[in-house]
Amino acid sequence: YFCVDPVVGATVATYDANVYLTVTAAAL
């Protein structure tokens, strides 16, 4: 899924088998 948190920034979260992964972008 994708969502935007006003503090953390934009985040993509996913999982597969034995991994949990997040990718976040925050403004400089």
PDB file of all heavy atoms in Angstrom:
ATOM      1  N   TYR A   1       0.834  -1.194   0.000  1.00  0.00           N
ATOM      2  CA  TYR A   1       0.000   0.000   0.000  1.00  0.00           C
ATOM      3  C   TYR A   1       0.871   1.248   0.000  1.00  0.00           C
ATOM      4  O   TYR A   1       2.074   1.198   0.297  1.00  0.00           O
ATOM      5  CB  TYR A   1      -0.952   0.019   1.203  1.00  0.00           C
ATOM      6  CG  TYR A   1      -0.270   0.093   2.553  1.00  0.00           C
ATOM      7  CD1 TYR A   1       0.116   1.310   3.123  1.00  0.00           C
ATOM      8  CD2 TYR A   1      -0.020  -1.062   3.287  1.00  0.00           C
ATOM      9  CE1 TYR A   1       0.732   1.371   4.366  1.00  0.00           C
ATOM     10  CE2 TYR A   1       0.601  -1.010   4.527  1.00  0.00           C
ATOM     11  CZ  TYR A   1       0.971   0.212   5.060  1.00  0.00           C
ATOM     12  OH  TYR A   1       1.591   0.268   6.288  1.00  0.00           O
ATOM     13  N   PHE A   2       0.267   2.380  -0.339  1.00  0.00           N
ATOM     14  CA  PHE A   2       0.925   3.679  -0.315  1.00  0.00           C
ATOM     15  C   PHE A   2       0.104   4.622   0.536  1.00  0.00           C
ATOM     16  O   PHE A   2      -1.126   4.611   0.499  1.00  0.00           O
ATOM     17  CB  PHE A   2       1.040   4.251  -1.730  1.00  0.00           C
ATOM     18  CG  PHE A   2       1.443   5.703  -1.761  1.00  0.00           C
ATOM     19  CD1 PHE A   2       2.767   6.078  -1.613  1.00  0.00           C
ATOM     20  CD2 PHE A   2       0.491   6.704  -1.925  1.00  0.00           C
ATOM     21  CE1 PHE A   2       3.142   7.416  -1.627  1.00  0.00           C
ATOM     22  CE2 PHE A   2       0.848   8.046  -1.946  1.00  0.00           C
ATOM     23  CZ  PHE A   2       2.176   8.404  -1.809  1.00  0.00           C
ATOM     24  N   CYS A   3       0.758   5.469   1.336  1.00  0.00           N
ATOM     25  CA  CYS A   3       0.059   6.483   2.109  1.00  0.00           C
ATOM     26  C   CYS A   3       1.011   7.625   2.427  1.00  0.00           C
ATOM     27  O   CYS A   3       2.225   7.510   2.247  1.00  0.00           O
ATOM     28  CB  CYS A   3      -0.535   5.900   3.391  1.00  0.00           C
ATOM     29  SG  CYS A   3       0.695   5.172   4.480  1.00  0.00           S
ATOM     30  N   VAL A   4       0.450   8.734   2.864  1.00  0.00           N
ATOM     31  CA  VAL A   4       1.250   9.908   3.202  1.00  0.00           C
ATOM     32  C   VAL A   4       0.953  10.308   4.636  1.00  0.00           C
ATOM     33  O   VAL A   4      -0.205  10.532   5.001  1.00  0.00           O
ATOM     34  CB  VAL A   4       0.958  11.085   2.256  1.00  0.00           C
ATOM     35  CG1 VAL A   4       1.775  12.306   2.662  1.00  0.00           C
ATOM     36  CG2 VAL A   4       1.266  10.699   0.815  1.00  0.00           C
ATOM     37  N   ASP A   5       1.995  10.369   5.446  1.00  0.00           N
ATOM     38  CA  ASP A   5       1.899  10.821   6.826  1.00  0.00           C
ATOM     39  C   ASP A   5       2.487  12.230   6.884  1.00  0.00           C
ATOM     40  O   ASP A   5       3.580  12.462   6.360  1.00  0.00           O
ATOM     41  CB  ASP A   5       2.680   9.879   7.739  1.00  0.00           C
ATOM     42  CG  ASP A   5       2.532  10.240   9.207  1.00  0.00           C
ATOM     43  OD1 ASP A   5       3.090  11.281   9.624  1.00  0.00           O
ATOM     44  OD2 ASP A   5       1.895   9.480   9.945  1.00  0.00           O
ATOM     45  N   PRO A   6       1.784  13.193   7.502  1.00  0.00           N
ATOM     46  CA  PRO A   6       2.282  14.562   7.526  1.00  0.00           C
ATOM     47  C   PRO A   6       3.612  14.721   8.251  1.00  0.00           C
ATOM     48  O   PRO A   6       4.327  15.705   8.041  1.00  0.00           O
ATOM     49  CB  PRO A   6       1.162  15.333   8.248  1.00  0.00           C
ATOM     50  CG  PRO A   6       0.379  14.303   8.989  1.00  0.00           C
ATOM     51  CD  PRO A   6       0.466  13.072   8.165  1.00  0.00           C
ATOM     52  N   VAL A   7       3.977  13.761   9.095  1.00  0.00           N
ATOM     53  CA  VAL A   7       5.240  13.838   9.833  1.00  0.00           C
ATOM     54  C   VAL A   7       6.320  13.005   9.146  1.00  0.00           C
ATOM     55  O   VAL A   7       7.430  13.480   8.888  1.00  0.00           O
ATOM     56  CB  VAL A   7       5.054  13.367  11.290  1.00  0.00           C
ATOM     57  CG1 VAL A   7       6.390  13.347  12.018  1.00  0.00           C
ATOM     58  CG2 VAL A   7       4.056  14.266  12.009  1.00  0.00           C
ATOM     59  N   VAL A   8       6.016  11.755   8.838  1.00  0.00           N
ATOM     60  CA  VAL A   8       7.003  10.823   8.298  1.00  0.00           C
ATOM     61  C   VAL A   8       7.277  11.075   6.821  1.00  0.00           C
ATOM     62  O   VAL A   8       8.400  10.998   6.353  1.00  0.00           O
ATOM     63  CB  VAL A   8       6.544   9.371   8.518  1.00  0.00           C
ATOM     64  CG1 VAL A   8       7.515   8.395   7.875  1.00  0.00           C
ATOM     65  CG2 VAL A   8       6.411   9.083  10.006  1.00  0.00           C
ATOM     66  N   GLY A   9       6.231  11.371   6.042  1.00  0.00           N
ATOM     67  CA  GLY A   9       6.364  11.538   4.606  1.00  0.00           C
ATOM     68  C   GLY A   9       5.552  10.505   3.856  1.00  0.00           C
ATOM     69  O   GLY A   9       4.645   9.881   4.416  1.00  0.00           O
ATOM     70  N   ALA A  10       5.884  10.298   2.580  1.00  0.00           N
ATOM     71  CA  ALA A  10       5.183   9.319   1.749  1.00  0.00           C
ATOM     72  C   ALA A  10       5.827   7.952   1.929  1.00  0.00           C
ATOM     73  O   ALA A  10       7.053   7.831   1.924  1.00  0.00           O
ATOM     74  CB  ALA A  10       5.239   9.737   0.286  1.00  0.00           C
ATOM     75  N   THR A  11       5.000   6.920   2.092  1.00  0.00           N
ATOM     76  CA  THR A  11       5.517   5.583   2.378  1.00  0.00           C
ATOM     77  C   THR A  11       4.849   4.533   1.511  1.00  0.00           C
ATOM     78  O   THR A  11       3.632   4.527   1.344  1.00  0.00           O
ATOM     79  CB  THR A  11       5.296   5.209   3.851  1.00  0.00           C
ATOM     80  OG1 THR A  11       6.038   6.100   4.690  1.00  0.00           O
ATOM     81  CG2 THR A  11       5.777   3.778   4.134  1.00  0.00           C
ATOM     82  N   VAL A  12       5.669   3.645   0.954  1.00  0.00           N
ATOM     83  CA  VAL A  12       5.195   2.403   0.352  1.00  0.00           C
ATOM     84  C   VAL A  12       5.619   1.274   1.288  1.00  0.00           C
ATOM     85  O   VAL A  12       6.787   1.197   1.685  1.00  0.00           O
ATOM     86  CB  VAL A  12       5.802   2.179  -1.046  1.00  0.00           C
ATOM     87  CG1 VAL A  12       5.611   0.731  -1.500  1.00  0.00           C
ATOM     88  CG2 VAL A  12       5.165   3.121  -2.058  1.00  0.00           C
ATOM     89  N   ALA A  13       4.664   0.439   1.681  1.00  0.00           N
ATOM     90  CA  ALA A  13       4.955  -0.707   2.545  1.00  0.00           C
ATOM     91  C   ALA A  13       4.516  -1.978   1.844  1.00  0.00           C
ATOM     92  O   ALA A  13       3.476  -1.998   1.178  1.00  0.00           O
ATOM     93  CB  ALA A  13       4.236  -0.574   3.885  1.00  0.00           C
ATOM     94  N   THR A  14       5.305  -3.025   1.984  1.00  0.00           N
ATOM     95  CA  THR A  14       4.972  -4.299   1.358  1.00  0.00           C
ATOM     96  C   THR A  14       5.624  -5.441   2.125  1.00  0.00           C
ATOM     97  O   THR A  14       6.483  -5.223   2.987  1.00  0.00           O
ATOM     98  CB  THR A  14       5.441  -4.318  -0.119  1.00  0.00           C
ATOM     99  OG1 THR A  14       5.014  -5.543  -0.737  1.00  0.00           O
ATOM    100  CG2 THR A  14       6.954  -4.209  -0.219  1.00  0.00           C
ATOM    101  N   TYR A  15       5.188  -6.670   1.821  1.00  0.00           N
ATOM    102  CA  TYR A  15       5.837  -7.836   2.400  1.00  0.00           C
ATOM    103  C   TYR A  15       5.795  -8.973   1.386  1.00  0.00           C
ATOM    104  O   TYR A  15       4.995  -8.973   0.446  1.00  0.00           O
ATOM    105  CB  TYR A  15       5.151  -8.287   3.702  1.00  0.00           C
ATOM    106  CG  TYR A  15       3.915  -9.131   3.486  1.00  0.00           C
ATOM    107  CD1 TYR A  15       3.989 -10.532   3.443  1.00  0.00           C
ATOM    108  CD2 TYR A  15       2.659  -8.545   3.321  1.00  0.00           C
ATOM    109  CE1 TYR A  15       2.846 -11.307   3.244  1.00  0.00           C
ATOM    110  CE2 TYR A  15       1.526  -9.310   3.112  1.00  0.00           C
ATOM    111  CZ  TYR A  15       1.620 -10.692   3.078  1.00  0.00           C
ATOM    112  OH  TYR A  15       0.496 -11.461   2.863  1.00  0.00           O
ATOM    113  N   ASP A  16       6.662  -9.936   1.589  1.00  0.00           N
ATOM    114  CA  ASP A  16       6.642 -11.166   0.797  1.00  0.00           C
ATOM    115  C   ASP A  16       7.440 -12.208   1.561  1.00  0.00           C
ATOM    116  O   ASP A  16       8.551 -11.911   2.039  1.00  0.00           O
ATOM    117  CB  ASP A  16       7.250 -10.931  -0.587  1.00  0.00           C
ATOM    118  CG  ASP A  16       7.017 -12.113  -1.530  1.00  0.00           C
ATOM    119  OD1 ASP A  16       6.050 -12.870  -1.314  1.00  0.00           O
ATOM    120  OD2 ASP A  16       7.799 -12.280  -2.484  1.00  0.00           O
ATOM    121  N   ALA A  17       6.876 -13.395   1.702  1.00  0.00           N
ATOM    122  CA  ALA A  17       7.581 -14.492   2.374  1.00  0.00           C
ATOM    123  C   ALA A  17       8.146 -14.036   3.718  1.00  0.00           C
ATOM    124  O   ALA A  17       7.382 -13.748   4.638  1.00  0.00           O
ATOM    125  CB  ALA A  17       8.674 -15.061   1.463  1.00  0.00           C
ATOM    126  N   ASN A  18       9.474 -13.898   3.837  1.00  0.00           N
ATOM    127  CA  ASN A  18      10.096 -13.581   5.133  1.00  0.00           C
ATOM    128  C   ASN A  18      10.637 -12.158   5.220  1.00  0.00           C
ATOM    129  O   ASN A  18      11.491 -11.873   6.055  1.00  0.00           O
ATOM    130  CB  ASN A  18      11.242 -14.575   5.426  1.00  0.00           C
ATOM    131  CG  ASN A  18      12.383 -14.443   4.417  1.00  0.00           C
ATOM    132  OD1 ASN A  18      12.150 -14.225   3.238  1.00  0.00           O
ATOM    133  ND2 ASN A  18      13.611 -14.606   4.881  1.00  0.00           N
ATOM    134  N   VAL A  19      10.135 -11.234   4.377  1.00  0.00           N
ATOM    135  CA  VAL A  19      10.615  -9.859   4.421  1.00  0.00           C
ATOM    136  C   VAL A  19       9.467  -8.868   4.557  1.00  0.00           C
ATOM    137  O   VAL A  19       8.397  -9.044   3.963  1.00  0.00           O
ATOM    138  CB  VAL A  19      11.441  -9.512   3.162  1.00  0.00           C
ATOM    139  CG1 VAL A  19      10.596  -9.567   1.896  1.00  0.00           C
ATOM    140  CG2 VAL A  19      12.103  -8.136   3.296  1.00  0.00           C
ATOM    141  N   TYR A  20       9.680  -7.850   5.384  1.00  0.00           N
ATOM    142  CA  TYR A  20       8.775  -6.704   5.500  1.00  0.00           C
ATOM    143  C   TYR A  20       9.568  -5.490   5.061  1.00  0.00           C
ATOM    144  O   TYR A  20      10.662  -5.221   5.586  1.00  0.00           O
ATOM    145  CB  TYR A  20       8.285  -6.545   6.936  1.00  0.00           C
ATOM    146  CG  TYR A  20       7.567  -5.233   7.197  1.00  0.00           C
ATOM    147  CD1 TYR A  20       6.359  -4.956   6.567  1.00  0.00           C
ATOM    148  CD2 TYR A  20       8.098  -4.285   8.070  1.00  0.00           C
ATOM    149  CE1 TYR A  20       5.700  -3.750   6.804  1.00  0.00           C
ATOM    150  CE2 TYR A  20       7.442  -3.092   8.303  1.00  0.00           C
ATOM    151  CZ  TYR A  20       6.241  -2.833   7.671  1.00  0.00           C
ATOM    152  OH  TYR A  20       5.598  -1.645   7.896  1.00  0.00           O
ATOM    153  N   LEU A  21       9.051  -4.727   4.087  1.00  0.00           N
ATOM    154  CA  LEU A  21       9.813  -3.655   3.461  1.00  0.00           C
ATOM    155  C   LEU A  21       9.029  -2.352   3.466  1.00  0.00           C
ATOM    156  O   LEU A  21       7.834  -2.329   3.174  1.00  0.00           O
ATOM    157  CB  LEU A  21      10.125  -4.040   2.010  1.00  0.00           C
ATOM    158  CG  LEU A  21      10.910  -3.028   1.173  1.00  0.00           C
ATOM    159  CD1 LEU A  21      12.393  -3.108   1.508  1.00  0.00           C
ATOM    160  CD2 LEU A  21      10.695  -3.273  -0.321  1.00  0.00           C
ATOM    161  N   THR A  22       9.717  -1.251   3.799  1.00  0.00           N
ATOM    162  CA  THR A  22       9.116   0.076   3.667  1.00  0.00           C
ATOM    163  C   THR A  22      10.070   0.966   2.879  1.00  0.00           C
ATOM    164  O   THR A  22      11.292   0.873   3.006  1.00  0.00           O
ATOM    165  CB  THR A  22       8.855   0.736   5.037  1.00  0.00           C
ATOM    166  OG1 THR A  22      10.078   0.835   5.773  1.00  0.00           O
ATOM    167  CG2 THR A  22       7.826  -0.052   5.838  1.00  0.00           C
ATOM    168  N   VAL A  23       9.491   1.824   2.042  1.00  0.00           N
ATOM    169  CA  VAL A  23      10.246   2.833   1.289  1.00  0.00           C
ATOM    170  C   VAL A  23       9.569   4.174   1.557  1.00  0.00           C
ATOM    171  O   VAL A  23       8.382   4.349   1.262  1.00  0.00           O
ATOM    172  CB  VAL A  23      10.258   2.542  -0.217  1.00  0.00           C
ATOM    173  CG1 VAL A  23      11.081   3.590  -0.958  1.00  0.00           C
ATOM    174  CG2 VAL A  23      10.799   1.141  -0.492  1.00  0.00           C
ATOM    175  N   THR A  24      10.308   5.105   2.130  1.00  0.00           N
ATOM    176  CA  THR A  24       9.745   6.391   2.541  1.00  0.00           C
ATOM    177  C   THR A  24      10.495   7.537   1.872  1.00  0.00           C
ATOM    178  O   THR A  24      11.717   7.507   1.747  1.00  0.00           O
ATOM    179  CB  THR A  24       9.837   6.557   4.073  1.00  0.00           C
ATOM    180  OG1 THR A  24       9.106   5.501   4.697  1.00  0.00           O
ATOM    181  CG2 THR A  24       9.257   7.891   4.514  1.00  0.00           C
ATOM    182  N   ALA A  25       9.746   8.552   1.455  1.00  0.00           N
ATOM    183  CA  ALA A  25      10.334   9.769   0.907  1.00  0.00           C
ATOM    184  C   ALA A  25       9.913  10.949   1.780  1.00  0.00           C
ATOM    185  O   ALA A  25       8.716  11.141   2.033  1.00  0.00           O
ATOM    186  CB  ALA A  25       9.886  10.004  -0.527  1.00  0.00           C
ATOM    187  N   ALA A  26      10.888  11.709   2.238  1.00  0.00           N
ATOM    188  CA  ALA A  26      10.624  12.895   3.047  1.00  0.00           C
ATOM    189  C   ALA A  26      11.304  14.096   2.395  1.00  0.00           C
ATOM    190  O   ALA A  26      12.435  13.996   1.908  1.00  0.00           O
ATOM    191  CB  ALA A  26      11.154  12.702   4.470  1.00  0.00           C
ATOM    192  N   ALA A  27      10.625  15.237   2.377  1.00  0.00           N
ATOM    193  CA  ALA A  27      11.162  16.440   1.742  1.00  0.00           C
ATOM    194  C   ALA A  27      12.389  16.943   2.494  1.00  0.00           C
ATOM    195  O   ALA A  27      12.432  16.926   3.724  1.00  0.00           O
ATOM    196  CB  ALA A  27      10.091  17.518   1.680  1.00  0.00           C
ATOM    197  N   LEU A  28      13.406  17.384   1.751  1.00  0.00           N
ATOM    198  CA  LEU A  28      14.590  17.979   2.373  1.00  0.00           C
ATOM    199  C   LEU A  28      14.240  19.281   3.074  1.00  0.00           C
ATOM    200  O   LEU A  28      14.770  19.596   4.135  1.00  0.00           O
ATOM    201  CB  LEU A  28      15.664  18.253   1.310  1.00  0.00           C
ATOM    202  CG  LEU A  28      16.473  17.060   0.800  1.00  0.00           C
ATOM    203  CD1 LEU A  28      17.383  17.506  -0.344  1.00  0.00           C
ATOM    204  CD2 LEU A  28      17.301  16.459   1.921  1.00  0.00           C
TER     205      LEU A  28
END
